[in-house]
Amino acid sequence: MELIHAAQALVRASLVEGLRASFSGEEEITVEPLPNKKFMISGWVDLVTQQGRPDRQNFSLVVYKDEFAGWVGEKISIIPQM
């Protein structure tokens, strides 16, 4: 649960100003363990413009804790669904 919330916060922080994010339920988010205590998180997010238009996107990123026990995200990818 903590991993998913950290991933969502990192995706939100990477968005262009003015977009709001509405994420899928946790049951639709995938968490895959990787070496070195890292995790691949993937799922979908609706990006909503200031005009209220939603646009569904797939997201993925690698999440891990740094030496200060803070969450770090790398390889953040947000791709439009076809």
C-alpha atoms as a PDB file:
ATOM      1  CA  MET A   1       0.000   0.000   0.000  1.00  0.00           C
ATOM      2  CA  GLU A   2       2.799   2.417   0.896  1.00  0.00           C
ATOM      3  CA  LEU A   3       4.577   1.598  -2.384  1.00  0.00           C
ATOM      4  CA  ILE A   4       1.467   2.391  -4.412  1.00  0.00           C
ATOM      5  CA  HIS A   5       0.911   5.714  -2.655  1.00  0.00           C
ATOM      6  CA  ALA A   6       4.563   6.651  -3.132  1.00  0.00           C
ATOM      7  CA  ALA A   7       4.358   5.773  -6.840  1.00  0.00           C
ATOM      8  CA  GLN A   8       1.186   7.842  -7.274  1.00  0.00           C
ATOM      9  CA  ALA A   9       2.824  10.850  -5.597  1.00  0.00           C
ATOM     10  CA  LEU A  10       5.877  10.528  -7.853  1.00  0.00           C
ATOM     11  CA  VAL A  11       3.710  10.331 -10.986  1.00  0.00           C
ATOM     12  CA  ARG A  12       1.711  13.395  -9.833  1.00  0.00           C
ATOM     13  CA  ALA A  13       4.971  15.311  -9.284  1.00  0.00           C
ATOM     14  CA  SER A  14       6.059  14.535 -12.865  1.00  0.00           C
ATOM     15  CA  LEU A  15       2.891  15.927 -14.486  1.00  0.00           C
ATOM     16  CA  VAL A  16       2.617  19.194 -16.363  1.00  0.00           C
ATOM     17  CA  GLU A  17       1.160  21.957 -14.223  1.00  0.00           C
ATOM     18  CA  GLY A  18      -2.624  22.196 -14.530  1.00  0.00           C
ATOM     19  CA  LEU A  19      -3.282  18.450 -14.871  1.00  0.00           C
ATOM     20  CA  ARG A  20      -5.049  16.499 -12.126  1.00  0.00           C
ATOM     21  CA  ALA A  21      -4.541  12.780 -11.696  1.00  0.00           C
ATOM     22  CA  SER A  22      -7.211  10.206 -10.846  1.00  0.00           C
ATOM     23  CA  PHE A  23      -5.648   6.766 -10.421  1.00  0.00           C
ATOM     24  CA  SER A  24      -7.175   3.327 -10.881  1.00  0.00           C
ATOM     25  CA  GLY A  25      -8.090   1.329  -7.816  1.00  0.00           C
ATOM     26  CA  GLU A  26      -5.266  -0.489  -6.067  1.00  0.00           C
ATOM     27  CA  GLU A  27      -6.591  -3.813  -7.398  1.00  0.00           C
ATOM     28  CA  GLU A  28      -5.655  -2.648 -10.930  1.00  0.00           C
ATOM     29  CA  ILE A  29      -2.114  -1.550 -10.035  1.00  0.00           C
ATOM     30  CA  THR A  30       0.721  -4.047 -10.474  1.00  0.00           C
ATOM     31  CA  VAL A  31       3.688  -4.215  -8.086  1.00  0.00           C
ATOM     32  CA  GLU A  32       6.634  -6.326  -9.256  1.00  0.00           C
ATOM     33  CA  PRO A  33       9.713  -6.827  -7.058  1.00  0.00           C
ATOM     34  CA  LEU A  34      13.066  -6.104  -8.703  1.00  0.00           C
ATOM     35  CA  PRO A  35      16.639  -6.675  -7.500  1.00  0.00           C
ATOM     36  CA  ASN A  36      18.205  -4.289  -4.970  1.00  0.00           C
ATOM     37  CA  LYS A  37      14.949  -3.631  -3.064  1.00  0.00           C
ATOM     38  CA  LYS A  38      13.362  -1.847  -6.031  1.00  0.00           C
ATOM     39  CA  PHE A  39       9.824  -2.296  -7.350  1.00  0.00           C
ATOM     40  CA  MET A  40       8.197  -1.778 -10.751  1.00  0.00           C
ATOM     41  CA  ILE A  41       4.772  -0.159 -10.307  1.00  0.00           C
ATOM     42  CA  SER A  42       2.329   0.061 -13.224  1.00  0.00           C
ATOM     43  CA  GLY A  43      -1.328   0.853 -13.794  1.00  0.00           C
ATOM     44  CA  TRP A  44      -3.508   3.550 -15.325  1.00  0.00           C
ATOM     45  CA  VAL A  45      -4.328   7.145 -14.485  1.00  0.00           C
ATOM     46  CA  ASP A  46      -6.927   9.564 -15.818  1.00  0.00           C
ATOM     47  CA  LEU A  47      -5.278  12.930 -16.437  1.00  0.00           C
ATOM     48  CA  VAL A  48      -7.873  15.687 -16.177  1.00  0.00           C
ATOM     49  CA  THR A  49      -7.317  19.096 -17.754  1.00  0.00           C
ATOM     50  CA  GLN A  50      -8.458  22.385 -16.221  1.00  0.00           C
ATOM     51  CA  GLN A  51     -11.438  22.204 -18.599  1.00  0.00           C
ATOM     52  CA  GLY A  52     -12.403  18.858 -17.038  1.00  0.00           C
ATOM     53  CA  ARG A  53     -11.536  16.619 -20.003  1.00  0.00           C
ATOM     54  CA  PRO A  54     -10.148  13.225 -18.843  1.00  0.00           C
ATOM     55  CA  ASP A  55      -7.502  11.347 -20.823  1.00  0.00           C
ATOM     56  CA  ARG A  56      -6.628   7.795 -19.709  1.00  0.00           C
ATOM     57  CA  GLN A  57      -2.908   6.969 -19.669  1.00  0.00           C
ATOM     58  CA  ASN A  58      -0.836   3.951 -18.659  1.00  0.00           C
ATOM     59  CA  PHE A  59       1.970   4.636 -16.213  1.00  0.00           C
ATOM     60  CA  SER A  60       4.975   2.727 -14.942  1.00  0.00           C
ATOM     61  CA  LEU A  61       7.965   3.565 -12.800  1.00  0.00           C
ATOM     62  CA  VAL A  62      10.625   2.015 -10.606  1.00  0.00           C
ATOM     63  CA  VAL A  63      10.333   2.931  -6.917  1.00  0.00           C
ATOM     64  CA  TYR A  64      12.817   2.433  -4.078  1.00  0.00           C
ATOM     65  CA  LYS A  65      13.908   4.026  -0.821  1.00  0.00           C
ATOM     66  CA  ASP A  66      17.111   6.072  -0.773  1.00  0.00           C
ATOM     67  CA  GLU A  67      19.683   6.091   2.035  1.00  0.00           C
ATOM     68  CA  PHE A  68      17.535   8.632   3.945  1.00  0.00           C
ATOM     69  CA  ALA A  69      14.455   6.335   3.754  1.00  0.00           C
ATOM     70  CA  GLY A  70      12.748   8.644   1.266  1.00  0.00           C
ATOM     71  CA  TRP A  71      10.939   7.308  -1.791  1.00  0.00           C
ATOM     72  CA  VAL A  72      12.672   7.749  -5.137  1.00  0.00           C
ATOM     73  CA  GLY A  73      11.154   7.182  -8.561  1.00  0.00           C
ATOM     74  CA  GLU A  74      13.028   6.513 -11.762  1.00  0.00           C
ATOM     75  CA  LYS A  75      12.084   5.561 -15.309  1.00  0.00           C
ATOM     76  CA  ILE A  76       8.697   7.274 -14.913  1.00  0.00           C
ATOM     77  CA  SER A  77       6.658   6.659 -18.059  1.00  0.00           C
ATOM     78  CA  ILE A  78       3.159   7.904 -18.865  1.00  0.00           C
ATOM     79  CA  ILE A  79       1.807   6.612 -22.184  1.00  0.00           C
ATOM     80  CA  PRO A  80      -1.598   7.318 -23.773  1.00  0.00           C
ATOM     81  CA  GLN A  81      -3.867   4.282 -24.154  1.00  0.00           C
ATOM     82  CA  MET A  82      -4.910   3.481 -27.704  1.00  0.00           C
END
